[in-house]
PDB file of N, CA and C in Angstrom:
ATOM      1  N   VAL A   1     -62.465  12.514 -69.276  1.00  0.00           N
ATOM      2  CA  VAL A   1     -61.227  13.054 -69.839  1.00  0.00           C
ATOM      3  C   VAL A   1     -60.374  11.876 -70.309  1.00  0.00           C
ATOM      4  N   PRO A   2     -60.023  11.847 -71.585  1.00  0.00           N
ATOM      5  CA  PRO A   2     -59.186  10.746 -72.093  1.00  0.00           C
ATOM      6  C   PRO A   2     -57.765  10.850 -71.545  1.00  0.00           C
ATOM      7  N   GLU A   3     -57.163   9.674 -71.365  1.00  0.00           N
ATOM      8  CA  GLU A   3     -55.791   9.641 -70.855  1.00  0.00           C
ATOM      9  C   GLU A   3     -54.816  10.106 -71.933  1.00  0.00           C
ATOM     10  N   SER A   4     -53.778  10.764 -71.488  1.00  0.00           N
ATOM     11  CA  SER A   4     -52.772  11.229 -72.441  1.00  0.00           C
ATOM     12  C   SER A   4     -51.801  10.090 -72.746  1.00  0.00           C
ATOM     13  N   PRO A   5     -51.212  10.086 -73.941  1.00  0.00           N
ATOM     14  CA  PRO A   5     -50.242   9.032 -74.280  1.00  0.00           C
ATOM     15  C   PRO A   5     -49.009   9.126 -73.386  1.00  0.00           C
ATOM     16  N   LEU A   6     -48.276   8.021 -73.312  1.00  0.00           N
ATOM     17  CA  LEU A   6     -47.063   7.991 -72.492  1.00  0.00           C
ATOM     18  C   LEU A   6     -46.099   9.092 -72.917  1.00  0.00           C
ATOM     19  N   GLY A   7     -45.528   9.742 -71.955  1.00  0.00           N
ATOM     20  CA  GLY A   7     -44.556  10.781 -72.239  1.00  0.00           C
ATOM     21  C   GLY A   7     -45.157  12.143 -72.500  1.00  0.00           C
ATOM     22  N   ALA A   8     -46.477  12.227 -72.605  1.00  0.00           N
ATOM     23  CA  ALA A   8     -47.109  13.508 -72.898  1.00  0.00           C
ATOM     24  C   ALA A   8     -47.026  14.453 -71.711  1.00  0.00           C
ATOM     25  N   ASN A   9     -46.847  13.921 -70.517  1.00  0.00           N
ATOM     26  CA  ASN A   9     -46.796  14.764 -69.328  1.00  0.00           C
ATOM     27  C   ASN A   9     -45.381  15.225 -68.994  1.00  0.00           C
ATOM     28  N   ARG A  10     -44.434  14.880 -69.811  1.00  0.00           N
ATOM     29  CA  ARG A  10     -43.056  15.286 -69.544  1.00  0.00           C
ATOM     30  C   ARG A  10     -42.929  16.799 -69.643  1.00  0.00           C
ATOM     31  N   ALA A  11     -42.108  17.342 -68.776  1.00  0.00           N
ATOM     32  CA  ALA A  11     -41.874  18.782 -68.795  1.00  0.00           C
ATOM     33  C   ALA A  11     -40.959  19.138 -69.959  1.00  0.00           C
ATOM     34  N   ILE A  12     -41.226  20.255 -70.561  1.00  0.00           N
ATOM     35  CA  ILE A  12     -40.378  20.746 -71.641  1.00  0.00           C
ATOM     36  C   ILE A  12     -39.146  21.373 -70.992  1.00  0.00           C
ATOM     37  N   PRO A  13     -37.931  20.988 -71.440  1.00  0.00           N
ATOM     38  CA  PRO A  13     -36.726  21.549 -70.821  1.00  0.00           C
ATOM     39  C   PRO A  13     -36.700  23.069 -70.967  1.00  0.00           C
ATOM     40  N   ASN A  14     -36.226  23.720 -69.932  1.00  0.00           N
ATOM     41  CA  ASN A  14     -36.168  25.178 -70.015  1.00  0.00           C
ATOM     42  C   ASN A  14     -34.982  25.603 -70.876  1.00  0.00           C
ATOM     43  N   PRO A  15     -35.022  26.814 -71.406  1.00  0.00           N
ATOM     44  CA  PRO A  15     -33.947  27.270 -72.299  1.00  0.00           C
ATOM     45  C   PRO A  15     -32.563  27.249 -71.651  1.00  0.00           C
ATOM     46  N   CYS A  16     -32.487  27.526 -70.360  1.00  0.00           N
ATOM     47  CA  CYS A  16     -31.179  27.507 -69.679  1.00  0.00           C
ATOM     48  C   CYS A  16     -30.594  26.100 -69.664  1.00  0.00           C
ATOM     49  N   ALA A  17     -31.441  25.107 -69.395  1.00  0.00           N
ATOM     50  CA  ALA A  17     -30.975  23.718 -69.375  1.00  0.00           C
ATOM     51  C   ALA A  17     -30.545  23.277 -70.766  1.00  0.00           C
ATOM     52  N   MET A  18     -31.284  23.700 -71.772  1.00  0.00           N
ATOM     53  CA  MET A  18     -30.935  23.337 -73.146  1.00  0.00           C
ATOM     54  C   MET A  18     -29.607  23.979 -73.551  1.00  0.00           C
ATOM     55  N   ALA A  19     -29.393  25.230 -73.164  1.00  0.00           N
ATOM     56  CA  ALA A  19     -28.143  25.920 -73.490  1.00  0.00           C
ATOM     57  C   ALA A  19     -26.967  25.267 -72.772  1.00  0.00           C
ATOM     58  N   ALA A  20     -27.174  24.868 -71.517  1.00  0.00           N
ATOM     59  CA  ALA A  20     -26.110  24.208 -70.759  1.00  0.00           C
ATOM     60  C   ALA A  20     -25.759  22.865 -71.388  1.00  0.00           C
ATOM     61  N   ALA A  21     -26.767  22.121 -71.823  1.00  0.00           N
ATOM     62  CA  ALA A  21     -26.522  20.824 -72.454  1.00  0.00           C
ATOM     63  C   ALA A  21     -25.770  21.007 -73.768  1.00  0.00           C
ATOM     64  N   GLU A  22     -26.135  22.024 -74.527  1.00  0.00           N
ATOM     65  CA  GLU A  22     -25.445  22.284 -75.789  1.00  0.00           C
ATOM     66  C   GLU A  22     -23.994  22.697 -75.541  1.00  0.00           C
ATOM     67  N   GLN A  23     -23.771  23.498 -74.508  1.00  0.00           N
ATOM     68  CA  GLN A  23     -22.410  23.917 -74.167  1.00  0.00           C
ATOM     69  C   GLN A  23     -21.569  22.718 -73.730  1.00  0.00           C
ATOM     70  N   GLU A  24     -22.158  21.812 -72.946  1.00  0.00           N
ATOM     71  CA  GLU A  24     -21.441  20.598 -72.530  1.00  0.00           C
ATOM     72  C   GLU A  24     -21.078  19.744 -73.729  1.00  0.00           C
ATOM     73  N   GLN A  25     -22.005  19.636 -74.685  1.00  0.00           N
ATOM     74  CA  GLN A  25     -21.746  18.832 -75.869  1.00  0.00           C
ATOM     75  C   GLN A  25     -20.612  19.446 -76.695  1.00  0.00           C
ATOM     76  N   GLN A  26     -20.609  20.759 -76.850  1.00  0.00           N
ATOM     77  CA  GLN A  26     -19.535  21.419 -77.589  1.00  0.00           C
ATOM     78  C   GLN A  26     -18.187  21.216 -76.893  1.00  0.00           C
ATOM     79  N   HIS A  27     -18.185  21.300 -75.567  1.00  0.00           N
ATOM     80  CA  HIS A  27     -16.951  21.095 -74.800  1.00  0.00           C
ATOM     81  C   HIS A  27     -16.458  19.665 -74.967  1.00  0.00           C
ATOM     82  N   PHE A  28     -17.374  18.701 -74.952  1.00  0.00           N
ATOM     83  CA  PHE A  28     -17.016  17.296 -75.142  1.00  0.00           C
ATOM     84  C   PHE A  28     -16.344  17.089 -76.496  1.00  0.00           C
ATOM     85  N   TYR A  29     -16.945  17.636 -77.555  1.00  0.00           N
ATOM     86  CA  TYR A  29     -16.376  17.455 -78.883  1.00  0.00           C
ATOM     87  C   TYR A  29     -15.032  18.170 -79.027  1.00  0.00           C
ATOM     88  N   LEU A  30     -14.857  19.296 -78.339  1.00  0.00           N
ATOM     89  CA  LEU A  30     -13.563  19.975 -78.340  1.00  0.00           C
ATOM     90  C   LEU A  30     -12.501  19.092 -77.689  1.00  0.00           C
ATOM     91  N   LEU A  31     -12.823  18.518 -76.523  1.00  0.00           N
ATOM     92  CA  LEU A  31     -11.881  17.625 -75.844  1.00  0.00           C
ATOM     93  C   LEU A  31     -11.589  16.389 -76.684  1.00  0.00           C
ATOM     94  N   LEU A  32     -12.627  15.829 -77.293  1.00  0.00           N
ATOM     95  CA  LEU A  32     -12.446  14.645 -78.127  1.00  0.00           C
ATOM     96  C   LEU A  32     -11.532  14.954 -79.306  1.00  0.00           C
ATOM     97  N   GLY A  33     -11.737  16.092 -79.936  1.00  0.00           N
ATOM     98  CA  GLY A  33     -10.881  16.492 -81.051  1.00  0.00           C
ATOM     99  C   GLY A  33      -9.435  16.663 -80.626  1.00  0.00           C
ATOM    100  N   ASN A  34      -9.227  17.234 -79.441  1.00  0.00           N
ATOM    101  CA  ASN A  34      -7.860  17.399 -78.937  1.00  0.00           C
ATOM    102  C   ASN A  34      -7.204  16.052 -78.677  1.00  0.00           C
ATOM    103  N   LEU A  35      -7.944  15.111 -78.114  1.00  0.00           N
ATOM    104  CA  LEU A  35      -7.368  13.797 -77.817  1.00  0.00           C
ATOM    105  C   LEU A  35      -7.089  12.992 -79.076  1.00  0.00           C
ATOM    106  N   LEU A  36      -7.854  13.224 -80.129  1.00  0.00           N
ATOM    107  CA  LEU A  36      -7.644  12.490 -81.370  1.00  0.00           C
ATOM    108  C   LEU A  36      -6.584  13.140 -82.256  1.00  0.00           C
ATOM    109  N   SER A  37      -6.165  14.334 -81.929  1.00  0.00           N
ATOM    110  CA  SER A  37      -5.170  15.040 -82.726  1.00  0.00           C
ATOM    111  C   SER A  37      -3.800  14.380 -82.576  1.00  0.00           C
ATOM    112  N   PRO A  38      -3.094  14.144 -83.691  1.00  0.00           N
ATOM    113  CA  PRO A  38      -1.758  13.549 -83.586  1.00  0.00           C
ATOM    114  C   PRO A  38      -0.737  14.510 -82.978  1.00  0.00           C
ATOM    115  N   ASP A  39      -1.053  15.798 -82.920  1.00  0.00           N
ATOM    116  CA  ASP A  39      -0.133  16.787 -82.365  1.00  0.00           C
ATOM    117  C   ASP A  39      -0.367  17.034 -80.881  1.00  0.00           C
ATOM    118  N   ASN A  40      -1.334  16.366 -80.301  1.00  0.00           N
ATOM    119  CA  ASN A  40      -1.689  16.628 -78.911  1.00  0.00           C
ATOM    120  C   ASN A  40      -0.661  16.029 -77.964  1.00  0.00           C
ATOM    121  N   ALA A  41      -0.132  16.838 -77.048  1.00  0.00           N
ATOM    122  CA  ALA A  41       0.903  16.381 -76.113  1.00  0.00           C
ATOM    123  C   ALA A  41       0.383  15.300 -75.179  1.00  0.00           C
ATOM    124  N   VAL A  42      -0.871  15.385 -74.779  1.00  0.00           N
ATOM    125  CA  VAL A  42      -1.439  14.373 -73.886  1.00  0.00           C
ATOM    126  C   VAL A  42      -1.463  13.028 -74.584  1.00  0.00           C
ATOM    127  N   ARG A  43      -1.855  13.013 -75.837  1.00  0.00           N
ATOM    128  CA  ARG A  43      -1.902  11.755 -76.578  1.00  0.00           C
ATOM    129  C   ARG A  43      -0.501  11.196 -76.768  1.00  0.00           C
ATOM    130  N   LYS A  44       0.457  12.051 -77.081  1.00  0.00           N
ATOM    131  CA  LYS A  44       1.829  11.581 -77.277  1.00  0.00           C
ATOM    132  C   LYS A  44       2.387  10.975 -75.998  1.00  0.00           C
ATOM    133  N   GLN A  45       2.052  11.549 -74.852  1.00  0.00           N
ATOM    134  CA  GLN A  45       2.528  11.002 -73.583  1.00  0.00           C
ATOM    135  C   GLN A  45       1.882   9.657 -73.286  1.00  0.00           C
ATOM    136  N   ALA A  46       0.658   9.462 -73.746  1.00  0.00           N
ATOM    137  CA  ALA A  46      -0.059   8.225 -73.456  1.00  0.00           C
ATOM    138  C   ALA A  46       0.364   7.081 -74.367  1.00  0.00           C
ATOM    139  N   GLU A  47       0.959   7.398 -75.504  1.00  0.00           N
ATOM    140  CA  GLU A  47       1.355   6.348 -76.433  1.00  0.00           C
ATOM    141  C   GLU A  47       2.559   5.592 -75.898  1.00  0.00           C
ATOM    142  N   VAL A  48       2.567   4.282 -76.125  1.00  0.00           N
ATOM    143  CA  VAL A  48       3.668   3.425 -75.692  1.00  0.00           C
ATOM    144  C   VAL A  48       4.741   3.460 -76.772  1.00  0.00           C
ATOM    145  N   PRO A  49       5.998   3.701 -76.391  1.00  0.00           N
ATOM    146  CA  PRO A  49       7.072   3.678 -77.392  1.00  0.00           C
ATOM    147  C   PRO A  49       7.121   2.329 -78.104  1.00  0.00           C
ATOM    148  N   ARG A  50       7.536   2.348 -79.363  1.00  0.00           N
ATOM    149  CA  ARG A  50       7.540   1.138 -80.186  1.00  0.00           C
ATOM    150  C   ARG A  50       8.344   0.003 -79.554  1.00  0.00           C
ATOM    151  N   LYS A  51       9.473   0.307 -78.902  1.00  0.00           N
ATOM    152  CA  LYS A  51      10.307  -0.756 -78.336  1.00  0.00           C
ATOM    153  C   LYS A  51       9.622  -1.471 -77.177  1.00  0.00           C
ATOM    154  N   PHE A  52       8.610  -0.838 -76.568  1.00  0.00           N
ATOM    155  CA  PHE A  52       7.885  -1.456 -75.462  1.00  0.00           C
ATOM    156  C   PHE A  52       6.492  -1.944 -75.879  1.00  0.00           C
ATOM    157  N   ALA A  53       6.170  -1.850 -77.152  1.00  0.00           N
ATOM    158  CA  ALA A  53       4.816  -2.159 -77.605  1.00  0.00           C
ATOM    159  C   ALA A  53       4.409  -3.598 -77.299  1.00  0.00           C
ATOM    160  N   GLY A  54       5.344  -4.536 -77.345  1.00  0.00           N
ATOM    161  CA  GLY A  54       5.008  -5.926 -77.081  1.00  0.00           C
ATOM    162  C   GLY A  54       5.185  -6.332 -75.635  1.00  0.00           C
ATOM    163  N   ALA A  55       5.722  -5.447 -74.821  1.00  0.00           N
ATOM    164  CA  ALA A  55       5.992  -5.774 -73.418  1.00  0.00           C
ATOM    165  C   ALA A  55       4.706  -5.790 -72.609  1.00  0.00           C
ATOM    166  N   SER A  56       4.672  -6.646 -71.632  1.00  0.00           N
ATOM    167  CA  SER A  56       3.517  -6.730 -70.749  1.00  0.00           C
ATOM    168  C   SER A  56       3.553  -5.597 -69.737  1.00  0.00           C
ATOM    169  N   LEU A  57       2.392  -5.060 -69.430  1.00  0.00           N
ATOM    170  CA  LEU A  57       2.296  -4.002 -68.432  1.00  0.00           C
ATOM    171  C   LEU A  57       2.031  -4.565 -67.042  1.00  0.00           C
ATOM    172  N   GLU A  58       1.874  -5.883 -66.948  1.00  0.00           N
ATOM    173  CA  GLU A  58       1.639  -6.527 -65.657  1.00  0.00           C
ATOM    174  C   GLU A  58       2.930  -6.542 -64.851  1.00  0.00           C
ATOM    175  N   PRO A  59       2.848  -6.335 -63.545  1.00  0.00           N
ATOM    176  CA  PRO A  59       4.062  -6.405 -62.723  1.00  0.00           C
ATOM    177  C   PRO A  59       4.609  -7.829 -62.708  1.00  0.00           C
ATOM    178  N   ARG A  60       5.915  -7.936 -62.639  1.00  0.00           N
ATOM    179  CA  ARG A  60       6.528  -9.263 -62.604  1.00  0.00           C
ATOM    180  C   ARG A  60       6.334  -9.874 -61.231  1.00  0.00           C
ATOM    181  N   ARG A  61       6.044 -11.161 -61.221  1.00  0.00           N
ATOM    182  CA  ARG A  61       5.865 -11.890 -59.963  1.00  0.00           C
ATOM    183  C   ARG A  61       6.958 -12.948 -59.884  1.00  0.00           C
ATOM    184  N   PHE A  62       7.690 -12.898 -58.819  1.00  0.00           N
ATOM    185  CA  PHE A  62       8.753 -13.869 -58.624  1.00  0.00           C
ATOM    186  C   PHE A  62       8.233 -14.988 -57.732  1.00  0.00           C
ATOM    187  N   VAL A  63       8.425 -16.208 -58.199  1.00  0.00           N
ATOM    188  CA  VAL A  63       7.949 -17.373 -57.453  1.00  0.00           C
ATOM    189  C   VAL A  63       9.148 -18.024 -56.781  1.00  0.00           C
ATOM    190  N   ARG A  64       9.050 -18.185 -55.483  1.00  0.00           N
ATOM    191  CA  ARG A  64      10.120 -18.864 -54.753  1.00  0.00           C
ATOM    192  C   ARG A  64       9.944 -20.362 -54.907  1.00  0.00           C
ATOM    193  N   GLY A  65      11.042 -21.048 -55.159  1.00  0.00           N
ATOM    194  CA  GLY A  65      10.895 -22.471 -55.368  1.00  0.00           C
ATOM    195  C   GLY A  65      11.861 -23.323 -54.708  1.00  0.00           C
TER     196      GLY A  65
END
């Protein structure tokens, strides 16, 4: 009996798994579209106001001298 090529023994995904993967992908693209939307409240909250755009987000450290 000749050997099968690599990957030939892989199981074919069942229809339920394929449907679940497709549903996850659609949900991902929906979330991505919402985050990229300029009208999205989550994105607006995450944006840094212009007056703070150049400010460092690192906490200030005071050195005693």
